[in-house]
Protein backbone atom coordinates (compact mmCIF):
# COMPACT_ATOMS: atom_id res chain seq x y z
CA MET A 1 48.25 -137.07 51.16
CA THR A 2 51.90 -136.01 51.36
CA ILE A 3 54.60 -135.84 48.72
CA SER A 4 56.36 -138.80 50.37
CA THR A 5 53.26 -140.99 49.69
CA PHE A 6 54.19 -141.13 46.03
CA ILE A 7 57.52 -142.87 46.74
CA PRO A 8 56.43 -146.20 48.27
CA LYS A 9 59.79 -147.97 47.92
CA LEU A 10 61.50 -145.73 50.47
CA SER A 11 61.52 -146.54 54.18
CA ALA A 12 59.55 -144.39 56.63
CA GLU A 13 62.79 -142.70 57.75
CA GLN A 14 63.85 -142.00 54.16
CA LYS A 15 60.43 -140.58 53.32
CA PHE A 16 60.66 -138.32 56.36
CA MET A 17 64.14 -137.14 55.32
CA LEU A 18 62.79 -136.34 51.86
CA SER A 19 59.86 -134.51 53.44
CA VAL A 20 62.19 -132.44 55.66
CA ILE A 21 64.24 -131.46 52.60
CA ILE A 22 61.04 -130.36 50.83
CA VAL A 23 59.83 -128.44 53.91
CA ASN A 24 63.19 -126.72 54.33
CA ALA A 25 63.24 -125.85 50.63
CA GLY A 26 59.74 -124.37 50.99
CA ASN A 27 60.71 -122.38 54.07
CA TYR A 28 63.78 -121.20 52.23
CA LEU A 29 61.70 -120.15 49.24
CA TYR A 30 59.37 -118.30 51.63
CA ASN A 31 62.30 -116.31 53.05
CA LEU A 32 63.85 -115.66 49.67
CA LEU A 33 60.61 -114.39 48.17
CA LEU A 34 60.06 -112.07 51.13
CA GLY A 35 63.61 -110.75 50.75
CA ARG A 36 63.14 -110.06 47.05
CA ILE A 37 59.60 -108.65 47.28
CA LEU A 38 60.09 -106.44 50.34
CA GLY A 39 63.68 -105.21 49.85
CA PRO A 40 66.37 -104.87 52.58
CA GLU A 41 64.63 -102.32 54.82
CA MET A 42 61.16 -103.90 55.00
CA PHE A 43 62.71 -107.38 55.03
CA ALA A 44 64.46 -106.47 58.31
CA ASP A 45 61.10 -106.53 60.15
CA ALA A 46 59.99 -109.70 58.36
CA ALA A 47 63.32 -111.35 59.21
CA LEU A 48 62.79 -110.41 62.86
CA LEU A 49 59.43 -112.22 62.80
CA ILE A 50 61.07 -115.25 61.23
CA THR A 51 63.73 -115.11 63.94
CA PHE A 52 60.99 -114.98 66.59
CA LEU A 53 59.45 -118.04 64.93
CA LEU A 54 62.78 -119.85 65.17
CA VAL A 55 63.11 -118.86 68.82
CA LEU A 56 59.59 -120.16 69.46
CA SER A 57 60.40 -123.43 67.70
CA PHE A 58 63.44 -123.98 69.94
CA VAL A 59 61.48 -123.28 73.13
CA ALA A 60 58.65 -125.58 72.03
CA MET A 61 61.22 -128.21 71.00
CA THR A 62 61.74 -128.89 74.71
CA PHE A 63 58.19 -130.23 74.86
CA GLN A 64 58.54 -132.07 71.55
CA LEU A 65 61.75 -133.88 72.53
CA ALA A 66 60.44 -134.75 75.99
CA THR A 67 57.27 -136.15 74.42
CA ALA A 68 59.33 -138.09 71.86
CA LYS A 69 61.61 -139.61 74.51
CA PHE A 70 58.95 -140.71 76.95
CA SER A 71 56.66 -141.94 74.18
CA VAL A 72 59.42 -144.53 73.67
CA LEU A 73 59.98 -145.29 77.37
CA PHE A 74 56.44 -145.17 78.83
CA GLU A 75 53.51 -147.45 78.05
CA ASN A 76 49.80 -147.80 78.88
CA ALA A 77 48.69 -145.87 82.01
CA SER A 78 52.11 -144.27 82.54
CA PHE A 79 52.09 -142.91 79.00
CA LYS A 80 48.53 -141.57 79.33
CA SER A 81 49.47 -139.77 82.55
CA PHE A 82 52.59 -138.35 80.95
CA ILE A 83 50.94 -137.13 77.75
CA SER A 84 48.13 -135.48 79.73
CA LEU A 85 50.69 -133.74 81.94
CA ILE A 86 52.86 -132.56 79.04
CA TYR A 87 49.86 -131.10 77.18
CA LYS A 88 48.80 -129.24 80.32
CA TYR A 89 52.21 -127.68 80.91
CA ALA A 90 52.74 -126.94 77.20
CA GLY A 91 49.45 -125.03 77.13
CA ILE A 92 50.27 -123.07 80.28
CA THR A 93 53.76 -122.20 78.99
CA GLY A 94 52.35 -121.07 75.66
CA ILE A 95 49.75 -118.86 77.30
CA VAL A 96 52.34 -117.23 79.61
CA ILE A 97 54.82 -116.52 76.79
CA GLY A 98 52.11 -115.36 74.39
CA ALA A 99 50.55 -113.07 77.00
CA ALA A 100 53.96 -111.57 77.77
CA MET A 101 54.46 -110.74 74.07
CA VAL A 102 51.05 -109.08 73.89
CA VAL A 103 51.55 -107.06 77.09
CA PHE A 104 55.09 -105.94 76.19
CA SER A 105 54.51 -105.41 72.46
CA LYS A 106 55.32 -101.68 72.69
CA GLN A 107 58.58 -102.36 74.50
CA LEU A 108 59.51 -105.00 71.90
CA GLN A 109 58.84 -102.47 69.16
CA ALA A 110 61.20 -99.97 70.79
CA LEU A 111 63.88 -102.59 71.48
CA PHE A 112 64.03 -103.93 67.91
CA ASN A 113 63.22 -100.70 66.04
CA THR A 114 60.19 -102.10 64.20
CA ASN A 115 57.51 -100.13 62.38
CA THR A 116 54.60 -101.47 64.43
CA SER A 117 53.88 -103.22 67.72
CA LEU A 118 50.82 -105.05 66.35
CA MET A 119 53.07 -107.69 64.78
CA PHE A 120 54.16 -108.82 68.26
CA THR A 121 50.57 -108.88 69.51
CA ILE A 122 49.37 -111.14 66.69
CA PHE A 123 52.42 -113.39 67.06
CA GLY A 124 51.79 -113.71 70.81
CA LEU A 125 48.21 -114.89 70.20
CA GLY A 126 49.53 -117.82 68.17
CA VAL A 127 52.14 -119.00 70.68
CA PRO A 128 49.86 -121.37 72.71
CA ILE A 129 48.77 -123.11 69.50
CA TYR A 130 52.40 -123.71 68.56
CA PHE A 131 53.16 -125.39 71.89
CA ILE A 132 50.20 -127.76 71.54
CA MET A 133 51.35 -128.51 67.99
CA SER A 134 54.85 -129.39 69.25
CA VAL A 135 53.55 -131.98 71.75
CA ASN A 136 51.50 -133.57 68.97
CA ARG A 137 54.65 -133.73 66.82
CA GLY A 138 56.66 -135.21 69.68
CA PHE A 139 54.21 -138.11 69.92
CA TYR A 140 54.56 -138.89 66.22
CA GLN A 141 58.35 -138.54 66.43
CA GLY A 142 58.73 -140.84 69.45
CA THR A 143 56.41 -143.52 68.05
CA LYS A 144 58.19 -143.26 64.67
CA ARG A 145 55.04 -142.32 62.79
CA PHE A 146 57.16 -140.30 60.43
CA GLU A 147 54.58 -139.91 57.68
CA LYS A 148 52.12 -138.17 60.00
CA LEU A 149 54.99 -136.13 61.46
CA ALA A 150 55.86 -135.09 57.92
CA TRP A 151 52.25 -133.99 57.32
CA THR A 152 52.41 -131.54 60.23
CA TYR A 153 55.56 -129.87 58.89
CA GLN A 154 54.33 -129.79 55.30
CA GLY A 155 50.97 -128.33 56.32
CA GLU A 156 52.63 -125.56 58.31
CA MET A 157 55.13 -124.70 55.59
CA PHE A 158 52.82 -124.76 52.54
CA SER A 159 50.06 -122.82 54.30
CA ARG A 160 52.47 -120.13 55.53
CA LEU A 161 53.97 -119.74 52.06
CA ALA A 162 50.62 -119.56 50.28
CA ILE A 163 48.75 -117.36 52.76
CA THR A 164 51.59 -114.86 53.21
CA LEU A 165 52.15 -114.39 49.47
CA LEU A 166 48.41 -114.06 48.82
CA LEU A 167 48.11 -111.37 51.49
CA ILE A 168 51.15 -109.44 50.20
CA PHE A 169 49.95 -109.45 46.58
CA MET A 170 46.28 -108.78 47.37
CA ILE A 171 46.63 -106.14 50.11
CA SER A 172 48.86 -103.13 49.46
CA ASN A 173 47.73 -100.59 52.06
CA VAL A 174 48.73 -102.61 55.17
CA ASN A 175 52.19 -102.78 56.75
CA SER A 176 54.01 -105.79 55.26
CA SER A 177 55.09 -107.07 58.69
CA ILE A 178 51.39 -107.38 59.69
CA LEU A 179 50.68 -109.45 56.59
CA VAL A 180 53.68 -111.69 57.29
CA VAL A 181 52.69 -112.31 60.92
CA VAL A 182 49.08 -113.11 59.93
CA GLY A 183 50.45 -115.75 57.55
CA ILE A 184 52.61 -117.19 60.33
CA PHE A 185 49.68 -117.21 62.77
CA ALA A 186 47.38 -119.01 60.31
CA SER A 187 50.04 -121.65 59.52
CA PHE A 188 50.06 -122.85 63.16
CA PHE A 189 46.54 -124.24 62.75
CA PHE A 190 47.59 -126.24 59.67
CA GLY A 191 50.64 -127.51 61.59
CA LEU A 192 48.28 -129.12 64.11
CA LEU A 193 47.03 -131.58 61.48
CA PRO A 194 46.78 -134.52 61.81
CA PHE A 195 45.99 -134.06 65.50
CA LYS A 196 45.97 -137.10 67.81
CA LYS A 197 42.79 -136.18 69.69
CA GLU A 198 42.89 -139.30 71.86
CA ASN A 199 46.05 -138.02 73.58
CA PHE A 200 44.56 -134.62 74.37
CA SER A 201 42.88 -135.25 77.72
CA LEU A 202 43.63 -133.13 80.77
CA GLN A 203 41.48 -135.24 83.15
CA VAL A 204 43.64 -138.39 83.21
CA LYS A 205 44.61 -139.58 86.69
CA ASN A 206 48.33 -139.22 87.38
CA VAL A 207 49.86 -142.68 88.00
CA LEU A 208 53.49 -141.72 87.39
CA THR A 209 55.90 -142.93 90.07
CA LYS A 210 58.24 -140.61 91.93
CA ASN A 211 61.17 -142.01 89.95
CA GLN A 212 59.38 -141.45 86.61
CA THR A 213 58.46 -137.89 87.58
CA SER A 214 62.06 -137.20 88.57
CA GLN A 215 63.26 -138.66 85.27
CA ILE A 216 60.89 -136.43 83.31
CA SER A 217 61.82 -133.32 85.29
CA LYS A 218 65.55 -133.90 84.90
CA PHE A 219 65.34 -134.44 81.14
CA PHE A 220 62.94 -131.53 80.70
CA VAL A 221 65.11 -129.02 82.61
CA LEU A 222 68.30 -130.02 80.81
CA THR A 223 66.60 -130.04 77.41
CA ALA A 224 65.08 -126.62 78.10
CA PHE A 225 68.53 -125.36 79.02
CA TYR A 226 70.01 -126.74 75.82
CA GLU A 227 67.22 -125.30 73.68
CA LEU A 228 67.94 -121.96 75.34
CA THR A 229 71.56 -122.25 74.23
CA GLN A 230 70.29 -123.06 70.71
CA ILE A 231 68.19 -119.91 70.77
CA ILE A 232 71.19 -117.87 71.87
CA ILE A 233 73.60 -119.34 69.35
CA ASN A 234 71.17 -119.37 66.42
CA ASN A 235 69.44 -116.04 66.87
CA SER A 236 71.43 -113.70 69.13
CA ASP A 237 73.52 -112.46 66.20
CA ILE A 238 70.46 -111.35 64.18
CA LEU A 239 68.82 -109.72 67.19
CA LEU A 240 72.02 -107.92 68.21
CA VAL A 241 72.71 -106.78 64.65
CA LYS A 242 69.12 -105.48 64.50
CA HIS A 243 69.87 -103.56 67.69
CA TYR A 244 73.36 -102.22 66.88
CA PHE A 245 73.15 -101.60 63.13
CA ALA A 246 70.97 -99.48 60.84
CA GLU A 247 67.80 -100.97 59.32
CA TYR A 248 69.44 -101.39 55.90
CA ASP A 249 72.50 -103.21 57.29
CA ALA A 250 70.28 -105.40 59.46
CA GLY A 251 68.31 -106.43 56.37
CA LEU A 252 71.53 -107.26 54.52
CA TYR A 253 72.77 -109.34 57.44
CA ALA A 254 69.44 -111.19 57.62
CA SER A 255 69.92 -112.32 54.00
CA LEU A 256 73.47 -113.45 54.83
CA ALA A 257 72.25 -115.43 57.83
CA LEU A 258 69.48 -117.05 55.81
CA ILE A 259 71.82 -118.32 53.10
CA GLY A 260 74.56 -119.31 55.53
CA ARG A 261 72.16 -121.27 57.73
CA VAL A 262 71.03 -123.59 54.97
CA VAL A 263 73.41 -126.22 56.34
CA TYR A 264 71.72 -126.07 59.75
CA PHE A 265 68.22 -126.36 58.29
CA VAL A 266 69.20 -129.27 56.04
CA THR A 267 70.93 -131.21 58.84
CA TRP A 268 68.10 -130.77 61.35
CA MET A 269 66.38 -133.86 59.95
CA PHE A 270 69.23 -136.00 61.29
CA VAL A 271 68.57 -134.72 64.81
CA MET A 272 64.89 -135.68 64.44
CA LEU A 273 65.87 -139.23 63.48
CA LEU A 274 68.79 -139.51 65.90
CA LEU A 275 66.96 -139.02 69.20
CA PRO A 276 64.36 -141.84 69.06
CA ALA A 277 66.90 -144.22 67.49
CA VAL A 278 69.50 -143.64 70.23
CA ILE A 279 66.91 -143.91 73.04
CA GLU A 280 65.59 -147.17 71.61
CA LYS A 281 69.11 -148.63 71.24
CA LYS A 282 69.92 -147.68 74.82
CA LYS A 283 66.66 -149.23 76.04
CA LEU A 284 67.61 -152.51 74.31
CA GLY A 285 71.20 -152.38 75.64
CA GLU A 286 72.74 -152.05 72.17
CA ALA A 287 75.65 -149.84 71.02
CA THR A 288 74.65 -146.27 70.17
CA ALA A 289 77.95 -144.85 68.87
CA PRO A 290 77.47 -146.25 65.31
CA ILE A 291 74.29 -144.18 64.95
CA LEU A 292 76.17 -141.03 65.96
CA THR A 293 79.02 -141.81 63.56
CA LYS A 294 76.58 -142.29 60.68
CA TYR A 295 74.75 -139.01 61.22
CA VAL A 296 77.91 -137.01 61.90
CA GLY A 297 79.21 -138.27 58.56
CA TYR A 298 76.06 -137.10 56.81
CA VAL A 299 76.21 -133.67 58.43
CA VAL A 300 79.92 -133.15 57.71
CA GLY A 301 79.38 -134.14 54.08
CA LEU A 302 76.43 -131.79 53.58
CA ALA A 303 78.12 -128.96 55.46
CA SER A 304 81.26 -129.28 53.36
CA VAL A 305 79.26 -129.02 50.13
CA VAL A 306 77.41 -125.91 51.32
CA VAL A 307 80.55 -124.14 52.60
CA LEU A 308 82.44 -124.93 49.38
CA GLY A 309 79.56 -123.62 47.30
CA CYS A 310 79.42 -120.40 49.34
CA TYR A 311 83.20 -119.99 48.96
CA LEU A 312 83.32 -120.58 45.21
CA PHE A 313 80.09 -118.86 44.12
CA PRO A 314 79.13 -116.24 46.76
CA GLU A 315 77.99 -113.53 44.34
CA LEU A 316 76.08 -116.00 42.18
CA ALA A 317 74.30 -117.42 45.24
CA ILE A 318 73.26 -114.00 46.53
CA HIS A 319 72.29 -112.76 43.05
CA LEU A 320 70.08 -115.77 42.38
CA LEU A 321 68.55 -115.99 45.84
CA PHE A 322 68.11 -112.39 46.94
CA GLY A 323 69.09 -110.12 44.07
CA ASP A 324 71.73 -107.47 43.43
CA ALA A 325 70.58 -105.28 46.34
CA TYR A 326 72.26 -107.76 48.73
CA LEU A 327 75.54 -108.33 46.83
CA SER A 328 77.67 -106.44 49.37
CA MET A 329 77.34 -109.47 51.67
CA ALA A 330 79.11 -111.81 49.22
CA PRO A 331 82.58 -111.70 50.91
CA LEU A 332 81.02 -112.76 54.24
CA LEU A 333 78.92 -115.64 52.93
CA TRP A 334 81.37 -118.54 53.22
CA LYS A 335 82.59 -117.32 56.60
CA TYR A 336 79.05 -117.33 58.00
CA ALA A 337 78.50 -120.78 56.47
CA VAL A 338 81.60 -122.05 58.32
CA ALA A 339 80.22 -120.79 61.64
CA THR A 340 76.89 -122.50 60.98
CA ALA A 341 78.55 -125.74 59.85
CA LEU A 342 80.62 -125.92 63.03
CA PHE A 343 77.49 -125.47 65.10
CA ALA A 344 75.52 -128.05 63.08
CA VAL A 345 78.15 -130.75 63.72
CA SER A 346 78.44 -129.94 67.43
CA ASN A 347 74.64 -129.98 67.61
CA ILE A 348 74.53 -133.64 66.56
CA PHE A 349 76.95 -134.50 69.40
CA ALA A 350 74.91 -132.49 71.91
CA TYR A 351 71.61 -134.22 71.09
CA TYR A 352 73.34 -137.60 71.15
CA PHE A 353 74.61 -136.96 74.69
CA LEU A 354 71.23 -135.56 75.70
CA SER A 355 69.57 -138.79 74.50
CA LEU A 356 71.94 -140.74 76.77
CA ASP A 357 71.25 -138.47 79.78
CA GLN A 358 74.80 -137.06 79.69
CA TYR A 359 74.45 -133.38 80.38
CA MET A 360 77.95 -131.88 80.54
CA PRO A 361 77.91 -130.96 76.80
CA VAL A 362 74.67 -129.07 77.41
CA VAL A 363 76.36 -126.93 80.07
CA VAL A 364 79.31 -126.31 77.73
CA SER A 365 76.92 -125.22 74.95
CA GLY A 366 75.29 -122.78 77.35
CA LEU A 367 78.61 -121.22 78.28
CA LEU A 368 79.64 -120.88 74.63
CA GLY A 369 76.25 -119.38 73.77
CA ILE A 370 76.72 -116.71 76.44
CA SER A 371 80.28 -116.11 75.26
CA GLN A 372 78.98 -115.54 71.71
CA ILE A 373 76.64 -112.81 72.95
CA LEU A 374 79.42 -111.15 74.91
CA LEU A 375 81.79 -111.32 71.95
CA ILE A 376 79.24 -109.64 69.67
CA VAL A 377 78.43 -107.02 72.33
CA PHE A 378 82.12 -106.09 72.57
CA PHE A 379 83.09 -106.66 68.92
CA HIS A 380 80.53 -105.21 66.50
CA ASN A 381 82.46 -102.52 64.66
CA SER A 382 81.51 -104.22 61.40
CA LEU A 383 79.43 -107.13 60.16
CA LEU A 384 82.68 -108.99 59.39
CA GLU A 385 83.69 -108.73 63.05
CA VAL A 386 80.30 -110.15 64.10
CA VAL A 387 80.82 -113.19 61.84
CA ILE A 388 84.45 -113.82 62.90
CA VAL A 389 83.64 -113.96 66.62
CA GLN A 390 80.92 -116.51 65.88
CA ILE A 391 83.40 -118.74 64.05
CA ILE A 392 85.72 -118.60 67.07
CA ALA A 393 82.96 -119.48 69.54
CA MET A 394 81.59 -122.37 67.43
CA ALA A 395 85.06 -123.82 66.77
CA ILE A 396 85.74 -123.94 70.51
CA LEU A 397 82.33 -125.58 71.10
CA LEU A 398 82.96 -128.34 68.54
CA VAL A 399 86.46 -129.08 69.88
CA ILE A 400 85.09 -129.49 73.41
CA GLN A 401 82.26 -131.76 72.18
CA LEU A 402 84.77 -133.97 70.34
CA MET A 403 87.06 -134.17 73.37
CA TYR A 404 84.13 -135.17 75.59
CA PHE A 405 83.06 -137.89 73.14
CA PHE A 406 86.54 -139.41 72.91
CA ILE A 407 87.01 -139.27 76.68
CA LYS A 408 83.67 -141.02 77.24
CA SER A 409 84.44 -143.59 74.53
CA GLY A 410 87.86 -144.25 76.12
CA ASP A 411 86.29 -144.74 79.55
CA LYS A 412 83.73 -147.17 78.12
CA ASN A 413 86.43 -149.21 76.36
CA THR A 414 88.48 -149.36 79.55
CA ARG A 415 85.51 -150.64 81.55
CA ALA A 416 84.74 -153.23 78.85
CA LYS A 417 88.31 -154.62 79.02
CA ARG A 418 88.07 -154.99 82.78
C-alpha cells in the first residue's frame, strides 16, 4: 500500500505527482542526513556514490523511456516480442557495465581519490538489477499504471534510507562509503517490486517487422545519446570538482549541488507524465503543444520559487539542511540554482521533441554538454568559476531550444494555412 492510496479523490496522475514529491523529499533527506552525519570529507565519497547512482539512472532511463513509448504503440504479439527483446538487451547492458566497474574498481579509486575500491565493486554488482528494474518501470509508465510505478520508486527510496542509516548507526568500524553502497545495492531489489513477471520472458518468438525494428533502434539510439548528455550536464561538474579540488572542497561543492538541484528533482515528475501523454496525443492525431505549454509553466513556476528562496535565504537553507560546516557555499547557492533551473526548463523541451521523433534538440544538448565539460576543464580556478560557466552553457541551451520550438511551430502554422 502506498501513501497515494490514502488520497482516493486525486487522479492517477495527481497521485503519481504526489508520490514523486514524497520520493524526492525522501531522497533529499537521505542526502542531507549523510552530509550531516559524515561531514564534508567523508561525504565527498558518499556524494560520489550518489552521483554514480544518478549516472546509472540516466543510462537505464534509455530502456525505461523506450519501454514506455512502445508500450503505447505496440500491442499483442508485437508488444510481447518487444518487451522480451528490451529485457534481454537491458540485462546484457547491465552485466557489461557492472562487470566493467568491478574489473576497473582500482582505477576508479585512483581517478576519483576515494578511500576504497570495494565501493565500486559492490555498486557494479547491483547494476544489472537496476536495468531490469528500469524496464519494469517503463512498462508501468507507458501503460499509465502510475500507482504501481509509484510503488517501485517508493520502495527503492524508503529501503535505501532505512538500510543505510541502520548500517551507519549500528556499524562503526567499517568505512562509511561501504555502508552507503550496501544500502544502495539492497534498495535495487525493493525497486523491482511490484514486478510484472508475465513480461519477463526471453523465449518469445520475434515477430517485429523491419519497420518496427528500425523505429525502435532509431528511438533507442537517440534517447541513449540524450541520456548521455544528461549525464554529462548533470554530473560532470561534481566529478570534475572531485578530480580538480581537495577532498574538503569537493564535499562542500557536493552539498551545494544537492541543494541547487532540488528544482531538477522536483520537476522530473513532469517529464515522466509528459512522454506518454505526448505520444498518445500524436497517435490520435491531436495537438501536443498545449501539453508542453502546461508542463513548462509548472516547471518555470517551481524553478522560480526555488531560485528566489536560494537568493533570499542561502545561509538559512545551508544551515538547516547541512549545518554550519557548509556555510561557505552560501554565496554560490542561488547561482547554482539558476544553472539547474535553466537546464530543467530546456529538459522539458528536449523530451517533448524526443517524444515527437524530432532529434535536432538532442544533438544540440550533446554539444552543450561537451562544451560544459570543456569550460570546466579550462576554467576551474575557483568553485565560483565552475558555477558561472555552467550558467552560460545552460542559458545558451535553453535559448536554442526555444528558437527551435518557435521555428517548428511557425512552420506548422504555415502548412496549416496552406
